[in-house]
Amino acid sequence: MNFSSFIDRLRPHPPAPPVKSTSRAGRDLWKAVPVGLVLLSLVALSLVWNTVVFAFLVLFVLLYALWEVTGAFLVREIRLPLFPLLCGTGAMVYAVWNFDFMHTFVMYLVSALTAFIWTFFYDNIRVFWHRLAGIFVLTWISFFGIFSLLLLHLPQGIGWIAALVLLPAASDTGGWLAGVLFGKHPMAPRISPKKTWEGLAGSLALAILLAFIVLVWSMHYSWYWAPLVGILATIIGTSGDLAESSLKRWLGVKDMGSIFPGHGGMLDRIDSIVLWAPALYCVAYFFLI
C-alpha cells in the first residue's frame, strides 16, 4: 500500500451496504454476541486497570464516531468540517478530565464557533443549514459523550459508568428478545419497523432489573430509585435509537459503519449511550449525591 492509498483510506467514505441477515433476530448472533461481550470487557478492564485508559477509550470512541458520521453525511453530499470537530472533541475531553464542566462548556462553545467559521472556507459549503450540521454532530456525539467522563468524577464513579453502559445494553437486549419472541405491534413502523411495543416492555423489565443490581445492590441507594432510573434509561435509550434510525433513513444508509461485526458502526452502538450520559449525570448530580 503506497502513501496516497493509505491517506485515501483515512478519508471518510460513505458506509458500505451491510450484508443482509437471514436470521429472524435481524442480526448475525454468532458475531453480535461475542463482539458485544468483548466491548463490555474492554470498558470494564479499562476502569479496573486505570481510569486514564478509560478516558482514552472514550476519546477514541468519540473521534471514530465523528469520522464515521462524516462519511454517512457524504451520501447526502453534506461535507462536515471534520478537522475542527476532531480537534474540538479532543479539547473537550482534555478539559473535562483536567478541569470542570464550565471549562468544558466554554471549550464546546469555542469548538462549535470554530467549526461554523471553518465551513466558510472548507470545500465551498454554501447551504446555511449544511454549516449547522457540524455543530449538530459536535453537540450530539462529542458534547453529550463527554458526560461519561463527568460521571467518573462523581462519588462511586465506576458504579455510574456501570449504569451508563449496562442499562442501555439491558434495555436493548430485553427489547430485542421480547420483540423476537412476542413482537406484533410496531411502535414506529416508518422509522424502525422492527421495534414493537412488546419489545419496549422487555426493555423496561430488563433495564429495571439491572438498575436494581447496580443502584441498590452495588451502590446502596434506596430501592425506589431502581424503577425510576430503569424507566428513564429505557425511554431515553429508545429515543436515541429511534432518532438515529430516523437520521439513517433520511441519509439513506442502513448502518453508520461496519466496524463491529453483527452490530454495525460505532454510532450504532453508542446512539443510546450519548443521550443517556447527560441525563444520568443530571439525575446523579442533582438527586443522588
C-alpha atoms as a PDB file:
ATOM      1  CA  MET A   1       0.000   0.000   0.000  1.00  0.00           C
ATOM      2  CA  ASN A   2       1.528   3.324  -1.071  1.00  0.00           C
ATOM      3  CA  PHE A   3       1.225   6.557   0.891  1.00  0.00           C
ATOM      4  CA  SER A   4      -1.541   8.068  -1.265  1.00  0.00           C
ATOM      5  CA  SER A   5      -3.763   4.983  -0.916  1.00  0.00           C
ATOM      6  CA  PHE A   6      -3.132   4.994   2.841  1.00  0.00           C
ATOM      7  CA  ILE A   7      -4.231   8.633   3.069  1.00  0.00           C
ATOM      8  CA  ASP A   8      -7.275   7.861   0.935  1.00  0.00           C
ATOM      9  CA  ARG A   9      -8.341   5.148   3.386  1.00  0.00           C
ATOM     10  CA  LEU A  10      -8.167   7.669   6.221  1.00  0.00           C
ATOM     11  CA  ARG A  11     -10.634   9.956   4.480  1.00  0.00           C
ATOM     12  CA  PRO A  12     -14.300   9.484   5.443  1.00  0.00           C
ATOM     13  CA  HIS A  13     -16.268   7.364   2.993  1.00  0.00           C
ATOM     14  CA  PRO A  14     -19.977   6.586   2.742  1.00  0.00           C
ATOM     15  CA  PRO A  15     -20.761   3.348   4.601  1.00  0.00           C
ATOM     16  CA  ALA A  16     -20.853   0.167   2.545  1.00  0.00           C
ATOM     17  CA  PRO A  17     -24.210  -1.629   2.271  1.00  0.00           C
ATOM     18  CA  PRO A  18     -24.490  -4.244   5.036  1.00  0.00           C
ATOM     19  CA  VAL A  19     -24.702  -7.953   4.354  1.00  0.00           C
ATOM     20  CA  LYS A  20     -28.369  -8.883   4.581  1.00  0.00           C
ATOM     21  CA  SER A  21     -29.107 -11.192   7.501  1.00  0.00           C
ATOM     22  CA  THR A  22     -31.467 -14.125   7.070  1.00  0.00           C
ATOM     23  CA  SER A  23     -31.838 -14.547  10.825  1.00  0.00           C
ATOM     24  CA  ARG A  24     -35.190 -13.858  12.422  1.00  0.00           C
ATOM     25  CA  ALA A  25     -33.268 -11.915  15.062  1.00  0.00           C
ATOM     26  CA  GLY A  26     -32.295  -9.363  12.408  1.00  0.00           C
ATOM     27  CA  ARG A  27     -28.576  -9.738  13.124  1.00  0.00           C
ATOM     28  CA  ASP A  28     -25.854 -12.372  12.987  1.00  0.00           C
ATOM     29  CA  LEU A  29     -25.875 -13.591  16.597  1.00  0.00           C
ATOM     30  CA  TRP A  30     -22.730 -15.671  16.145  1.00  0.00           C
ATOM     31  CA  LYS A  31     -20.899 -12.395  15.561  1.00  0.00           C
ATOM     32  CA  ALA A  32     -23.018  -9.947  17.559  1.00  0.00           C
ATOM     33  CA  VAL A  33     -22.887 -11.730  20.932  1.00  0.00           C
ATOM     34  CA  PRO A  34     -19.084 -12.243  21.131  1.00  0.00           C
ATOM     35  CA  VAL A  35     -18.441  -8.702  19.878  1.00  0.00           C
ATOM     36  CA  GLY A  36     -20.816  -7.280  22.488  1.00  0.00           C
ATOM     37  CA  LEU A  37     -19.102  -9.236  25.267  1.00  0.00           C
ATOM     38  CA  VAL A  38     -15.678  -8.079  24.096  1.00  0.00           C
ATOM     39  CA  LEU A  39     -16.803  -4.430  24.097  1.00  0.00           C
ATOM     40  CA  LEU A  40     -18.197  -4.702  27.635  1.00  0.00           C
ATOM     41  CA  SER A  41     -14.982  -6.397  28.759  1.00  0.00           C
ATOM     42  CA  LEU A  42     -12.864  -3.599  27.281  1.00  0.00           C
ATOM     43  CA  VAL A  43     -14.810  -0.984  29.226  1.00  0.00           C
ATOM     44  CA  ALA A  44     -14.572  -3.000  32.450  1.00  0.00           C
ATOM     45  CA  LEU A  45     -10.833  -3.661  32.069  1.00  0.00           C
ATOM     46  CA  SER A  46     -10.073  -0.010  31.319  1.00  0.00           C
ATOM     47  CA  LEU A  47     -11.860   1.037  34.529  1.00  0.00           C
ATOM     48  CA  VAL A  48     -10.176  -1.616  36.663  1.00  0.00           C
ATOM     49  CA  TRP A  49      -6.704  -1.091  35.234  1.00  0.00           C
ATOM     50  CA  ASN A  50      -6.545   2.712  35.093  1.00  0.00           C
ATOM     51  CA  THR A  51      -9.271   5.301  34.595  1.00  0.00           C
ATOM     52  CA  VAL A  52      -6.920   7.231  32.293  1.00  0.00           C
ATOM     53  CA  VAL A  53      -7.206   4.292  29.898  1.00  0.00           C
ATOM     54  CA  PHE A  54     -10.983   4.676  30.058  1.00  0.00           C
ATOM     55  CA  ALA A  55     -10.603   8.373  29.167  1.00  0.00           C
ATOM     56  CA  PHE A  56      -8.537   7.469  26.104  1.00  0.00           C
ATOM     57  CA  LEU A  57     -11.116   4.824  25.204  1.00  0.00           C
ATOM     58  CA  VAL A  58     -13.881   7.457  25.348  1.00  0.00           C
ATOM     59  CA  LEU A  59     -11.757   9.784  23.204  1.00  0.00           C
ATOM     60  CA  PHE A  60     -11.212   7.075  20.579  1.00  0.00           C
ATOM     61  CA  VAL A  61     -14.917   6.190  20.508  1.00  0.00           C
ATOM     62  CA  LEU A  62     -15.992   9.817  20.015  1.00  0.00           C
ATOM     63  CA  LEU A  63     -13.351  10.541  17.347  1.00  0.00           C
ATOM     64  CA  TYR A  64     -14.190   7.406  15.411  1.00  0.00           C
ATOM     65  CA  ALA A  65     -17.922   8.132  15.629  1.00  0.00           C
ATOM     66  CA  LEU A  66     -17.285  11.613  14.193  1.00  0.00           C
ATOM     67  CA  TRP A  67     -15.224  10.158  11.346  1.00  0.00           C
ATOM     68  CA  GLU A  68     -17.927   7.592  10.700  1.00  0.00           C
ATOM     69  CA  VAL A  69     -20.854  10.014  10.651  1.00  0.00           C
ATOM     70  CA  THR A  70     -18.883  12.359   8.365  1.00  0.00           C
ATOM     71  CA  GLY A  71     -18.793   9.562   5.806  1.00  0.00           C
ATOM     72  CA  ALA A  72     -22.513   8.882   6.244  1.00  0.00           C
ATOM     73  CA  PHE A  73     -23.368  12.549   5.612  1.00  0.00           C
ATOM     74  CA  LEU A  74     -21.484  12.358   2.301  1.00  0.00           C
ATOM     75  CA  VAL A  75     -24.347  10.227   0.962  1.00  0.00           C
ATOM     76  CA  ARG A  76     -26.418  13.442   1.051  1.00  0.00           C
ATOM     77  CA  GLU A  77     -23.453  15.461  -0.235  1.00  0.00           C
ATOM     78  CA  ILE A  78     -23.136  17.223   3.103  1.00  0.00           C
ATOM     79  CA  ARG A  79     -19.478  17.743   3.985  1.00  0.00           C
ATOM     80  CA  LEU A  80     -18.817  18.160   7.683  1.00  0.00           C
ATOM     81  CA  PRO A  81     -15.762  20.168   8.875  1.00  0.00           C
ATOM     82  CA  LEU A  82     -14.089  17.057  10.264  1.00  0.00           C
ATOM     83  CA  PHE A  83     -10.752  18.566  11.317  1.00  0.00           C
ATOM     84  CA  PRO A  84     -12.154  21.207  13.742  1.00  0.00           C
ATOM     85  CA  LEU A  85     -14.683  18.641  15.012  1.00  0.00           C
ATOM     86  CA  LEU A  86     -11.897  16.192  15.880  1.00  0.00           C
ATOM     87  CA  CYS A  87      -9.729  18.896  17.459  1.00  0.00           C
ATOM     88  CA  GLY A  88     -12.658  20.320  19.404  1.00  0.00           C
ATOM     89  CA  THR A  89     -13.574  16.882  20.739  1.00  0.00           C
ATOM     90  CA  GLY A  90     -10.016  16.280  21.895  1.00  0.00           C
ATOM     91  CA  ALA A  91     -10.002  19.671  23.599  1.00  0.00           C
ATOM     92  CA  MET A  92     -13.300  18.946  25.375  1.00  0.00           C
ATOM     93  CA  VAL A  93     -12.079  15.565  26.634  1.00  0.00           C
ATOM     94  CA  TYR A  94      -8.892  17.242  27.923  1.00  0.00           C
ATOM     95  CA  ALA A  95     -10.919  19.969  29.649  1.00  0.00           C
ATOM     96  CA  VAL A  96     -13.385  17.617  31.316  1.00  0.00           C
ATOM     97  CA  TRP A  97     -10.613  15.355  32.556  1.00  0.00           C
ATOM     98  CA  ASN A  98      -8.351  18.076  33.918  1.00  0.00           C
ATOM     99  CA  PHE A  99     -10.727  20.880  34.902  1.00  0.00           C
ATOM    100  CA  ASP A 100     -14.501  21.038  35.355  1.00  0.00           C
ATOM    101  CA  PHE A 101     -17.769  21.294  33.461  1.00  0.00           C
ATOM    102  CA  MET A 102     -17.618  25.067  32.951  1.00  0.00           C
ATOM    103  CA  HIS A 103     -14.204  24.840  31.269  1.00  0.00           C
ATOM    104  CA  THR A 104     -15.583  22.027  29.115  1.00  0.00           C
ATOM    105  CA  PHE A 105     -18.669  24.017  28.168  1.00  0.00           C
ATOM    106  CA  VAL A 106     -16.524  27.002  27.146  1.00  0.00           C
ATOM    107  CA  MET A 107     -14.377  24.646  25.054  1.00  0.00           C
ATOM    108  CA  TYR A 108     -17.552  23.292  23.432  1.00  0.00           C
ATOM    109  CA  LEU A 109     -18.694  26.823  22.515  1.00  0.00           C
ATOM    110  CA  VAL A 110     -15.267  27.642  21.077  1.00  0.00           C
ATOM    111  CA  SER A 111     -15.254  24.374  19.113  1.00  0.00           C
ATOM    112  CA  ALA A 112     -18.766  24.965  17.758  1.00  0.00           C
ATOM    113  CA  LEU A 113     -17.876  28.501  16.666  1.00  0.00           C
ATOM    114  CA  THR A 114     -14.646  27.294  15.062  1.00  0.00           C
ATOM    115  CA  ALA A 115     -16.469  24.538  13.169  1.00  0.00           C
ATOM    116  CA  PHE A 116     -19.043  27.040  11.920  1.00  0.00           C
ATOM    117  CA  ILE A 117     -16.427  29.563  10.762  1.00  0.00           C
ATOM    118  CA  TRP A 118     -14.436  26.735   9.149  1.00  0.00           C
ATOM    119  CA  THR A 119     -17.363  25.975   6.835  1.00  0.00           C
ATOM    120  CA  PHE A 120     -16.957  29.359   5.163  1.00  0.00           C
ATOM    121  CA  PHE A 121     -13.538  28.271   3.876  1.00  0.00           C
ATOM    122  CA  TYR A 122     -13.996  24.491   3.699  1.00  0.00           C
ATOM    123  CA  ASP A 123     -14.938  22.852   0.425  1.00  0.00           C
ATOM    124  CA  ASN A 124     -17.255  25.633  -0.738  1.00  0.00           C
ATOM    125  CA  ILE A 125     -20.093  24.927   1.691  1.00  0.00           C
ATOM    126  CA  ARG A 126     -22.790  27.416   0.741  1.00  0.00           C
ATOM    127  CA  VAL A 127     -26.035  26.000   2.130  1.00  0.00           C
ATOM    128  CA  PHE A 128     -26.562  27.584   5.547  1.00  0.00           C
ATOM    129  CA  TRP A 129     -28.027  24.572   7.315  1.00  0.00           C
ATOM    130  CA  HIS A 130     -25.157  22.435   5.975  1.00  0.00           C
ATOM    131  CA  ARG A 131     -22.919  24.740   8.001  1.00  0.00           C
ATOM    132  CA  LEU A 132     -25.010  23.998  11.086  1.00  0.00           C
ATOM    133  CA  ALA A 133     -24.696  20.240  10.561  1.00  0.00           C
ATOM    134  CA  GLY A 134     -21.203  20.288  12.081  1.00  0.00           C
ATOM    135  CA  ILE A 135     -22.499  21.966  15.257  1.00  0.00           C
ATOM    136  CA  PHE A 136     -25.319  19.412  15.446  1.00  0.00           C
ATOM    137  CA  VAL A 137     -22.867  16.500  15.216  1.00  0.00           C
ATOM    138  CA  LEU A 138     -20.460  18.094  17.694  1.00  0.00           C
ATOM    139  CA  THR A 139     -23.289  18.517  20.195  1.00  0.00           C
ATOM    140  CA  TRP A 140     -24.896  15.133  19.651  1.00  0.00           C
ATOM    141  CA  ILE A 141     -21.757  12.994  19.721  1.00  0.00           C
ATOM    142  CA  SER A 142     -18.982  14.910  21.450  1.00  0.00           C
ATOM    143  CA  PHE A 143     -20.629  17.228  23.964  1.00  0.00           C
ATOM    144  CA  PHE A 144     -23.159  14.659  25.149  1.00  0.00           C
ATOM    145  CA  GLY A 145     -20.500  11.948  25.044  1.00  0.00           C
ATOM    146  CA  ILE A 146     -18.087  13.691  27.414  1.00  0.00           C
ATOM    147  CA  PHE A 147     -20.670  13.412  30.205  1.00  0.00           C
ATOM    148  CA  SER A 148     -19.417   9.839  30.538  1.00  0.00           C
ATOM    149  CA  LEU A 149     -16.174  11.282  31.916  1.00  0.00           C
ATOM    150  CA  LEU A 150     -18.060  13.685  34.178  1.00  0.00           C
ATOM    151  CA  LEU A 151     -19.842  10.652  35.666  1.00  0.00           C
ATOM    152  CA  LEU A 152     -16.482   9.133  36.501  1.00  0.00           C
ATOM    153  CA  HIS A 153     -15.626  12.192  38.618  1.00  0.00           C
ATOM    154  CA  LEU A 154     -18.684  11.676  40.834  1.00  0.00           C
ATOM    155  CA  PRO A 155     -18.581   9.665  44.086  1.00  0.00           C
ATOM    156  CA  GLN A 156     -18.849   5.961  43.185  1.00  0.00           C
ATOM    157  CA  GLY A 157     -17.889   6.957  39.650  1.00  0.00           C
ATOM    158  CA  ILE A 158     -17.276   3.407  38.447  1.00  0.00           C
ATOM    159  CA  GLY A 159     -20.790   2.477  39.568  1.00  0.00           C
ATOM    160  CA  TRP A 160     -22.208   5.328  37.496  1.00  0.00           C
ATOM    161  CA  ILE A 161     -20.228   4.163  34.473  1.00  0.00           C
ATOM    162  CA  ALA A 162     -21.717   0.702  35.013  1.00  0.00           C
ATOM    163  CA  ALA A 163     -25.187   2.269  34.993  1.00  0.00           C
ATOM    164  CA  LEU A 164     -24.273   4.251  31.878  1.00  0.00           C
ATOM    165  CA  VAL A 165     -23.207   1.185  29.908  1.00  0.00           C
ATOM    166  CA  LEU A 166     -25.250  -1.690  31.346  1.00  0.00           C
ATOM    167  CA  LEU A 167     -28.718  -0.115  31.496  1.00  0.00           C
ATOM    168  CA  PRO A 168     -28.881   0.748  27.754  1.00  0.00           C
ATOM    169  CA  ALA A 169     -27.372  -2.669  26.983  1.00  0.00           C
ATOM    170  CA  ALA A 170     -30.026  -4.346  29.143  1.00  0.00           C
ATOM    171  CA  SER A 171     -32.773  -2.261  27.549  1.00  0.00           C
ATOM    172  CA  ASP A 172     -31.518  -3.139  24.069  1.00  0.00           C
ATOM    173  CA  THR A 173     -31.204  -6.853  24.900  1.00  0.00           C
ATOM    174  CA  GLY A 174     -34.578  -7.074  26.633  1.00  0.00           C
ATOM    175  CA  GLY A 175     -36.266  -5.234  23.778  1.00  0.00           C
ATOM    176  CA  TRP A 176     -34.642  -7.449  21.160  1.00  0.00           C
ATOM    177  CA  LEU A 177     -35.528 -10.689  22.984  1.00  0.00           C
ATOM    178  CA  ALA A 178     -39.128  -9.707  23.714  1.00  0.00           C
ATOM    179  CA  GLY A 179     -39.528  -8.366  20.188  1.00  0.00           C
ATOM    180  CA  VAL A 180     -38.280 -11.592  18.603  1.00  0.00           C
ATOM    181  CA  LEU A 181     -40.469 -13.786  20.827  1.00  0.00           C
ATOM    182  CA  PHE A 182     -43.631 -11.721  21.182  1.00  0.00           C
ATOM    183  CA  GLY A 183     -43.392  -8.633  18.962  1.00  0.00           C
ATOM    184  CA  LYS A 184     -46.548  -7.976  16.937  1.00  0.00           C
ATOM    185  CA  HIS A 185     -47.366  -4.268  17.307  1.00  0.00           C
ATOM    186  CA  PRO A 186     -44.808  -1.842  15.765  1.00  0.00           C
ATOM    187  CA  MET A 187     -44.001   1.341  17.683  1.00  0.00           C
ATOM    188  CA  ALA A 188     -42.819   3.490  14.790  1.00  0.00           C
ATOM    189  CA  PRO A 189     -43.084   1.437  11.570  1.00  0.00           C
ATOM    190  CA  ARG A 190     -41.945   4.280   9.330  1.00  0.00           C
ATOM    191  CA  ILE A 191     -38.769   4.882  11.336  1.00  0.00           C
ATOM    192  CA  SER A 192     -37.798   1.491  12.775  1.00  0.00           C
ATOM    193  CA  PRO A 193     -40.145  -1.299  11.640  1.00  0.00           C
ATOM    194  CA  LYS A 194     -38.647  -3.930  13.963  1.00  0.00           C
ATOM    195  CA  LYS A 195     -39.299  -2.002  17.185  1.00  0.00           C
ATOM    196  CA  THR A 196     -42.505  -3.154  18.864  1.00  0.00           C
ATOM    197  CA  TRP A 197     -44.477  -2.297  21.993  1.00  0.00           C
ATOM    198  CA  GLU A 198     -43.829  -5.815  23.251  1.00  0.00           C
ATOM    199  CA  GLY A 199     -40.135  -5.151  22.804  1.00  0.00           C
ATOM    200  CA  LEU A 200     -40.480  -1.939  24.808  1.00  0.00           C
ATOM    201  CA  ALA A 201     -41.987  -3.945  27.681  1.00  0.00           C
ATOM    202  CA  GLY A 202     -38.996  -6.285  27.542  1.00  0.00           C
ATOM    203  CA  SER A 203     -36.651  -3.297  27.540  1.00  0.00           C
ATOM    204  CA  LEU A 204     -38.300  -1.873  30.651  1.00  0.00           C
ATOM    205  CA  ALA A 205     -38.222  -5.186  32.518  1.00  0.00           C
ATOM    206  CA  LEU A 206     -34.529  -5.929  31.965  1.00  0.00           C
ATOM    207  CA  ALA A 207     -33.413  -2.311  32.440  1.00  0.00           C
ATOM    208  CA  ILE A 208     -35.219  -2.096  35.791  1.00  0.00           C
ATOM    209  CA  LEU A 209     -33.677  -5.421  36.869  1.00  0.00           C
ATOM    210  CA  LEU A 210     -30.182  -4.146  36.037  1.00  0.00           C
ATOM    211  CA  ALA A 211     -30.940  -0.859  37.794  1.00  0.00           C
ATOM    212  CA  PHE A 212     -31.722  -2.820  40.970  1.00  0.00           C
ATOM    213  CA  ILE A 213     -28.419  -4.682  40.670  1.00  0.00           C
ATOM    214  CA  VAL A 214     -26.318  -1.568  40.012  1.00  0.00           C
ATOM    215  CA  LEU A 215     -28.027   1.125  42.092  1.00  0.00           C
ATOM    216  CA  VAL A 216     -29.491  -0.842  45.012  1.00  0.00           C
ATOM    217  CA  TRP A 217     -27.333  -3.940  45.437  1.00  0.00           C
ATOM    218  CA  SER A 218     -23.989  -2.412  44.367  1.00  0.00           C
ATOM    219  CA  MET A 219     -24.255   1.323  45.110  1.00  0.00           C
ATOM    220  CA  HIS A 220     -26.686   1.035  48.085  1.00  0.00           C
ATOM    221  CA  TYR A 221     -29.300   3.563  47.024  1.00  0.00           C
ATOM    222  CA  SER A 222     -32.953   3.275  48.065  1.00  0.00           C
ATOM    223  CA  TRP A 223     -34.974   0.660  46.164  1.00  0.00           C
ATOM    224  CA  TYR A 224     -37.375   3.147  44.592  1.00  0.00           C
ATOM    225  CA  TRP A 225     -34.607   4.698  42.517  1.00  0.00           C
ATOM    226  CA  ALA A 226     -34.167   1.487  40.518  1.00  0.00           C
ATOM    227  CA  PRO A 227     -37.512   1.550  38.649  1.00  0.00           C
ATOM    228  CA  LEU A 228     -37.278   5.307  38.122  1.00  0.00           C
ATOM    229  CA  VAL A 229     -33.775   5.157  36.646  1.00  0.00           C
ATOM    230  CA  GLY A 230     -34.560   1.978  34.691  1.00  0.00           C
ATOM    231  CA  ILE A 231     -37.629   3.553  33.096  1.00  0.00           C
ATOM    232  CA  LEU A 232     -35.705   6.745  32.291  1.00  0.00           C
ATOM    233  CA  ALA A 233     -32.852   4.735  30.745  1.00  0.00           C
ATOM    234  CA  THR A 234     -35.302   2.831  28.553  1.00  0.00           C
ATOM    235  CA  ILE A 235     -37.170   5.938  27.395  1.00  0.00           C
ATOM    236  CA  ILE A 236     -34.000   7.872  26.584  1.00  0.00           C
ATOM    237  CA  GLY A 237     -32.217   4.872  25.081  1.00  0.00           C
ATOM    238  CA  THR A 238     -35.179   4.047  22.840  1.00  0.00           C
ATOM    239  CA  SER A 239     -35.468   7.713  21.849  1.00  0.00           C
ATOM    240  CA  GLY A 240     -31.778   7.810  20.941  1.00  0.00           C
ATOM    241  CA  ASP A 241     -32.112   4.659  18.867  1.00  0.00           C
ATOM    242  CA  LEU A 242     -35.192   5.964  17.054  1.00  0.00           C
ATOM    243  CA  ALA A 243     -33.512   9.340  16.459  1.00  0.00           C
ATOM    244  CA  GLU A 244     -30.501   7.667  14.858  1.00  0.00           C
ATOM    245  CA  SER A 245     -32.793   5.375  12.833  1.00  0.00           C
ATOM    246  CA  SER A 246     -34.651   8.439  11.573  1.00  0.00           C
ATOM    247  CA  LEU A 247     -31.377  10.123  10.612  1.00  0.00           C
ATOM    248  CA  LYS A 248     -30.118   6.982   8.843  1.00  0.00           C
ATOM    249  CA  ARG A 249     -33.388   6.691   6.940  1.00  0.00           C
ATOM    250  CA  TRP A 250     -33.050  10.337   5.842  1.00  0.00           C
ATOM    251  CA  LEU A 251     -29.417   9.821   4.858  1.00  0.00           C
ATOM    252  CA  GLY A 252     -30.287   6.612   3.007  1.00  0.00           C
ATOM    253  CA  VAL A 253     -27.932   4.276   4.908  1.00  0.00           C
ATOM    254  CA  LYS A 254     -28.662   1.076   6.814  1.00  0.00           C
ATOM    255  CA  ASP A 255     -25.782   1.387   9.298  1.00  0.00           C
ATOM    256  CA  MET A 256     -23.430   4.256  10.055  1.00  0.00           C
ATOM    257  CA  GLY A 257     -20.473   1.924   9.573  1.00  0.00           C
ATOM    258  CA  SER A 258     -19.267  -1.646   9.806  1.00  0.00           C
ATOM    259  CA  ILE A 259     -16.526  -1.628  12.437  1.00  0.00           C
ATOM    260  CA  PHE A 260     -18.357  -4.136  14.674  1.00  0.00           C
ATOM    261  CA  PRO A 261     -19.493  -7.376  13.000  1.00  0.00           C
ATOM    262  CA  GLY A 262     -23.123  -8.058  13.810  1.00  0.00           C
ATOM    263  CA  HIS A 263     -23.639  -4.579  15.260  1.00  0.00           C
ATOM    264  CA  GLY A 264     -22.842  -2.049  12.557  1.00  0.00           C
ATOM    265  CA  GLY A 265     -20.864   1.105  13.195  1.00  0.00           C
ATOM    266  CA  MET A 266     -19.580   2.890  16.275  1.00  0.00           C
ATOM    267  CA  LEU A 267     -22.519   5.280  16.369  1.00  0.00           C
ATOM    268  CA  ASP A 268     -24.928   2.364  16.044  1.00  0.00           C
ATOM    269  CA  ARG A 269     -23.513   1.101  19.349  1.00  0.00           C
ATOM    270  CA  ILE A 270     -23.441   4.381  21.277  1.00  0.00           C
ATOM    271  CA  ASP A 271     -26.574   6.133  19.989  1.00  0.00           C
ATOM    272  CA  SER A 272     -28.397   5.324  23.234  1.00  0.00           C
ATOM    273  CA  ILE A 273     -25.412   5.981  25.495  1.00  0.00           C
ATOM    274  CA  VAL A 274     -24.643   9.503  24.242  1.00  0.00           C
ATOM    275  CA  LEU A 275     -28.162  10.638  25.132  1.00  0.00           C
ATOM    276  CA  TRP A 276     -28.271   8.654  28.354  1.00  0.00           C
ATOM    277  CA  ALA A 277     -24.963  10.096  29.646  1.00  0.00           C
ATOM    278  CA  PRO A 278     -26.133  13.715  30.283  1.00  0.00           C
ATOM    279  CA  ALA A 279     -29.491  12.524  31.642  1.00  0.00           C
ATOM    280  CA  LEU A 280     -27.844  10.092  34.062  1.00  0.00           C
ATOM    281  CA  TYR A 281     -25.362  12.765  35.145  1.00  0.00           C
ATOM    282  CA  CYS A 282     -28.201  15.179  35.964  1.00  0.00           C
ATOM    283  CA  VAL A 283     -30.054  12.508  37.948  1.00  0.00           C
ATOM    284  CA  ALA A 284     -26.909  11.585  39.862  1.00  0.00           C
ATOM    285  CA  TYR A 285     -25.682  15.135  40.470  1.00  0.00           C
ATOM    286  CA  PHE A 286     -28.980  16.747  41.467  1.00  0.00           C
ATOM    287  CA  PHE A 287     -30.724  13.885  43.280  1.00  0.00           C
ATOM    288  CA  LEU A 288     -28.397  11.085  44.325  1.00  0.00           C
ATOM    289  CA  ILE A 289     -25.117  12.535  45.590  1.00  0.00           C
END
